[in-house]
């Protein structure tokens, strides 16, 4: 493990302490979990952007054209 010094405003530190206590975990565990959640979020967005960049409009239109042009089924109409 790596030690890291982080400077936080007192109000943020106090709230983290309260939330960690509520979850019966240490402040270190709370911050490590929060950092991991943020990392997962950023990595997911990066992955989705990367996959979206591989898409081609022509492929989308090809598959969209295969969808039958039928009226909406009962219950699926626009409101």
N, C-alpha and C. Protein backbone atom coordinates (compact mmCIF):
# COMPACT_ATOMS: atom_id res chain seq x y z
N UNK A 1 0.83 -1.18 0.00
CA UNK A 1 0.00 0.00 0.00
C UNK A 1 0.87 1.24 0.00
N UNK A 2 0.29 2.30 -0.46
CA UNK A 2 0.98 3.58 -0.51
C UNK A 2 0.31 4.55 0.43
N UNK A 3 1.12 5.31 1.14
CA UNK A 3 0.59 6.36 2.00
C UNK A 3 0.48 7.63 1.17
N UNK A 4 -0.58 8.38 1.42
CA UNK A 4 -0.83 9.60 0.66
C UNK A 4 -1.36 10.65 1.61
N UNK A 5 -0.76 11.82 1.55
CA UNK A 5 -1.24 12.94 2.36
C UNK A 5 -2.19 13.77 1.50
N UNK A 6 -3.38 13.98 2.02
CA UNK A 6 -4.38 14.76 1.30
C UNK A 6 -4.85 15.88 2.21
N UNK A 7 -4.86 17.09 1.69
CA UNK A 7 -5.34 18.22 2.46
C UNK A 7 -6.81 18.45 2.11
N UNK A 8 -7.63 18.45 3.15
CA UNK A 8 -9.06 18.64 2.95
C UNK A 8 -9.54 19.79 3.82
N UNK A 9 -10.55 20.50 3.37
CA UNK A 9 -11.15 21.49 4.25
C UNK A 9 -11.71 20.77 5.49
N UNK A 10 -11.68 21.43 6.62
CA UNK A 10 -12.17 20.82 7.86
C UNK A 10 -13.59 20.30 7.73
N UNK A 11 -14.44 21.04 7.03
CA UNK A 11 -15.84 20.63 6.89
C UNK A 11 -15.96 19.32 6.11
N UNK A 12 -15.14 19.17 5.08
CA UNK A 12 -15.16 17.94 4.29
C UNK A 12 -14.65 16.77 5.12
N UNK A 13 -13.56 17.00 5.85
CA UNK A 13 -12.99 15.96 6.69
C UNK A 13 -14.01 15.52 7.75
N UNK A 14 -14.69 16.46 8.36
CA UNK A 14 -15.69 16.14 9.38
C UNK A 14 -16.81 15.30 8.79
N UNK A 15 -17.29 15.68 7.61
CA UNK A 15 -18.39 14.94 6.99
C UNK A 15 -17.94 13.53 6.61
N UNK A 16 -16.71 13.39 6.13
CA UNK A 16 -16.18 12.06 5.81
C UNK A 16 -16.13 11.21 7.07
N UNK A 17 -15.67 11.80 8.16
CA UNK A 17 -15.61 11.06 9.43
C UNK A 17 -17.01 10.59 9.85
N UNK A 18 -18.00 11.46 9.71
CA UNK A 18 -19.37 11.10 10.07
C UNK A 18 -19.90 9.97 9.18
N UNK A 19 -19.68 10.09 7.89
CA UNK A 19 -20.18 9.08 6.97
C UNK A 19 -19.47 7.74 7.15
N UNK A 20 -18.17 7.79 7.38
CA UNK A 20 -17.41 6.56 7.63
C UNK A 20 -17.91 5.88 8.89
N UNK A 21 -18.15 6.67 9.92
CA UNK A 21 -18.65 6.11 11.18
C UNK A 21 -20.02 5.48 10.99
N UNK A 22 -20.86 6.15 10.21
CA UNK A 22 -22.21 5.63 9.93
C UNK A 22 -22.14 4.28 9.23
N UNK A 23 -21.14 4.11 8.34
CA UNK A 23 -20.97 2.85 7.62
C UNK A 23 -20.08 1.86 8.36
N UNK A 24 -19.65 2.24 9.55
CA UNK A 24 -18.79 1.39 10.39
C UNK A 24 -17.49 1.00 9.68
N UNK A 25 -16.89 1.99 9.01
CA UNK A 25 -15.60 1.79 8.36
C UNK A 25 -14.67 2.92 8.75
N UNK A 26 -13.39 2.73 8.47
CA UNK A 26 -12.43 3.78 8.79
C UNK A 26 -12.48 4.90 7.74
N UNK A 27 -11.94 6.04 8.11
CA UNK A 27 -11.83 7.15 7.16
C UNK A 27 -10.99 6.72 5.96
N UNK A 28 -9.92 5.98 6.22
CA UNK A 28 -9.07 5.50 5.12
C UNK A 28 -9.87 4.61 4.17
N UNK A 29 -10.68 3.69 4.72
CA UNK A 29 -11.49 2.82 3.87
C UNK A 29 -12.50 3.64 3.07
N UNK A 30 -13.10 4.64 3.71
CA UNK A 30 -14.08 5.48 3.03
C UNK A 30 -13.44 6.20 1.84
N UNK A 31 -12.29 6.80 2.08
CA UNK A 31 -11.62 7.56 1.02
C UNK A 31 -11.13 6.63 -0.08
N UNK A 32 -10.60 5.46 0.28
CA UNK A 32 -10.14 4.50 -0.73
C UNK A 32 -11.32 4.03 -1.59
N UNK A 33 -12.45 3.79 -0.96
CA UNK A 33 -13.64 3.37 -1.69
C UNK A 33 -14.14 4.48 -2.61
N UNK A 34 -14.15 5.71 -2.11
CA UNK A 34 -14.60 6.85 -2.92
C UNK A 34 -13.68 7.04 -4.13
N UNK A 35 -12.38 6.90 -3.92
CA UNK A 35 -11.42 7.04 -5.02
C UNK A 35 -11.62 5.92 -6.05
N UNK A 36 -11.85 4.70 -5.57
CA UNK A 36 -12.07 3.58 -6.49
C UNK A 36 -13.35 3.77 -7.29
N UNK A 37 -14.41 4.27 -6.66
CA UNK A 37 -15.66 4.53 -7.37
C UNK A 37 -15.47 5.59 -8.45
N UNK A 38 -14.76 6.65 -8.13
CA UNK A 38 -14.51 7.71 -9.11
C UNK A 38 -13.66 7.18 -10.25
N UNK A 39 -12.65 6.39 -9.93
CA UNK A 39 -11.80 5.79 -10.96
C UNK A 39 -12.62 4.91 -11.89
N UNK A 40 -13.51 4.09 -11.34
CA UNK A 40 -14.35 3.22 -12.16
C UNK A 40 -15.26 4.04 -13.06
N UNK A 41 -15.78 5.13 -12.54
CA UNK A 41 -16.66 6.00 -13.33
C UNK A 41 -15.91 6.61 -14.51
N UNK A 42 -14.74 7.14 -14.25
CA UNK A 42 -13.94 7.76 -15.32
C UNK A 42 -13.53 6.71 -16.36
N UNK A 43 -13.11 5.54 -15.90
CA UNK A 43 -12.69 4.48 -16.83
C UNK A 43 -13.87 3.98 -17.66
N UNK A 44 -15.06 3.93 -17.08
CA UNK A 44 -16.25 3.52 -17.82
C UNK A 44 -16.57 4.53 -18.91
N UNK A 45 -16.52 5.81 -18.57
CA UNK A 45 -16.77 6.85 -19.58
C UNK A 45 -15.74 6.79 -20.70
N UNK A 46 -14.48 6.57 -20.34
CA UNK A 46 -13.43 6.45 -21.36
C UNK A 46 -13.72 5.28 -22.29
N UNK A 47 -14.13 4.15 -21.72
CA UNK A 47 -14.43 2.96 -22.51
C UNK A 47 -15.61 3.22 -23.44
N UNK A 48 -16.67 3.82 -22.91
CA UNK A 48 -17.85 4.09 -23.73
C UNK A 48 -17.54 5.07 -24.85
N UNK A 49 -16.75 6.09 -24.57
CA UNK A 49 -16.36 7.04 -25.62
C UNK A 49 -15.53 6.34 -26.69
N UNK A 50 -14.64 5.47 -26.27
CA UNK A 50 -13.79 4.73 -27.20
C UNK A 50 -14.65 3.83 -28.10
N UNK A 51 -15.60 3.13 -27.49
CA UNK A 51 -16.48 2.25 -28.28
C UNK A 51 -17.36 3.07 -29.21
N UNK A 52 -17.87 4.19 -28.74
CA UNK A 52 -18.72 5.04 -29.58
C UNK A 52 -17.95 5.57 -30.78
N UNK A 53 -16.67 5.87 -30.59
CA UNK A 53 -15.85 6.39 -31.68
C UNK A 53 -15.65 5.35 -32.79
N UNK A 54 -15.81 4.09 -32.46
CA UNK A 54 -15.64 3.01 -33.45
C UNK A 54 -16.88 2.83 -34.31
N UNK A 55 -18.01 3.40 -33.85
CA UNK A 55 -19.26 3.23 -34.58
C UNK A 55 -19.27 4.01 -35.89
N UNK A 56 -20.06 3.49 -36.83
CA UNK A 56 -20.20 4.16 -38.13
C UNK A 56 -21.67 4.49 -38.35
N UNK A 57 -21.93 5.67 -38.80
CA UNK A 57 -23.31 6.10 -39.07
C UNK A 57 -23.97 5.17 -40.08
N UNK A 58 -23.21 4.73 -41.07
CA UNK A 58 -23.78 3.86 -42.10
C UNK A 58 -24.24 2.53 -41.51
N UNK A 59 -23.50 1.99 -40.55
CA UNK A 59 -23.93 0.75 -39.89
C UNK A 59 -25.22 0.97 -39.11
N UNK A 60 -25.29 2.09 -38.40
CA UNK A 60 -26.49 2.42 -37.63
C UNK A 60 -27.69 2.52 -38.57
N UNK A 61 -27.54 3.23 -39.67
CA UNK A 61 -28.65 3.41 -40.61
C UNK A 61 -29.04 2.09 -41.26
N UNK A 62 -28.07 1.21 -41.52
CA UNK A 62 -28.36 -0.11 -42.09
C UNK A 62 -29.27 -0.90 -41.16
N UNK A 63 -28.92 -0.96 -39.87
CA UNK A 63 -29.74 -1.73 -38.93
C UNK A 63 -31.06 -1.04 -38.63
N UNK A 64 -31.05 0.27 -38.62
CA UNK A 64 -32.29 1.00 -38.40
C UNK A 64 -33.27 0.76 -39.55
N UNK A 65 -32.75 0.64 -40.75
CA UNK A 65 -33.63 0.40 -41.91
C UNK A 65 -34.27 -0.98 -41.86
N UNK A 66 -33.72 -1.88 -41.08
CA UNK A 66 -34.28 -3.23 -40.95
C UNK A 66 -35.46 -3.27 -39.98
N UNK A 67 -35.67 -2.20 -39.24
CA UNK A 67 -36.79 -2.14 -38.29
C UNK A 67 -38.06 -1.83 -39.08
N UNK A 68 -39.08 -2.66 -38.93
CA UNK A 68 -40.31 -2.42 -39.70
C UNK A 68 -40.99 -1.11 -39.29
N UNK A 69 -41.56 -0.44 -40.29
CA UNK A 69 -42.25 0.83 -40.05
C UNK A 69 -43.71 0.52 -39.75
N UNK A 70 -44.00 0.26 -38.48
CA UNK A 70 -45.34 -0.11 -38.05
C UNK A 70 -45.84 0.91 -37.03
N UNK A 71 -47.14 1.04 -36.92
CA UNK A 71 -47.65 1.95 -35.89
C UNK A 71 -47.32 1.39 -34.50
N UNK A 72 -47.27 2.28 -33.53
CA UNK A 72 -46.97 1.87 -32.16
C UNK A 72 -48.06 0.93 -31.65
N UNK A 73 -47.64 -0.05 -30.87
CA UNK A 73 -48.60 -0.95 -30.26
C UNK A 73 -49.37 -0.21 -29.16
N UNK A 74 -50.55 -0.72 -28.85
CA UNK A 74 -51.36 -0.08 -27.83
C UNK A 74 -50.56 0.00 -26.52
N UNK A 75 -50.52 1.19 -25.95
CA UNK A 75 -49.77 1.42 -24.72
C UNK A 75 -48.41 2.02 -24.98
N UNK A 76 -47.92 1.96 -26.23
CA UNK A 76 -46.61 2.51 -26.57
C UNK A 76 -46.70 3.82 -27.33
N UNK A 77 -47.91 4.37 -27.45
CA UNK A 77 -48.09 5.61 -28.19
C UNK A 77 -47.42 6.77 -27.45
N UNK A 78 -47.11 7.82 -28.20
CA UNK A 78 -46.57 9.05 -27.58
C UNK A 78 -47.64 9.66 -26.70
N UNK A 79 -47.23 10.23 -25.62
CA UNK A 79 -48.19 10.89 -24.71
C UNK A 79 -48.38 12.33 -25.10
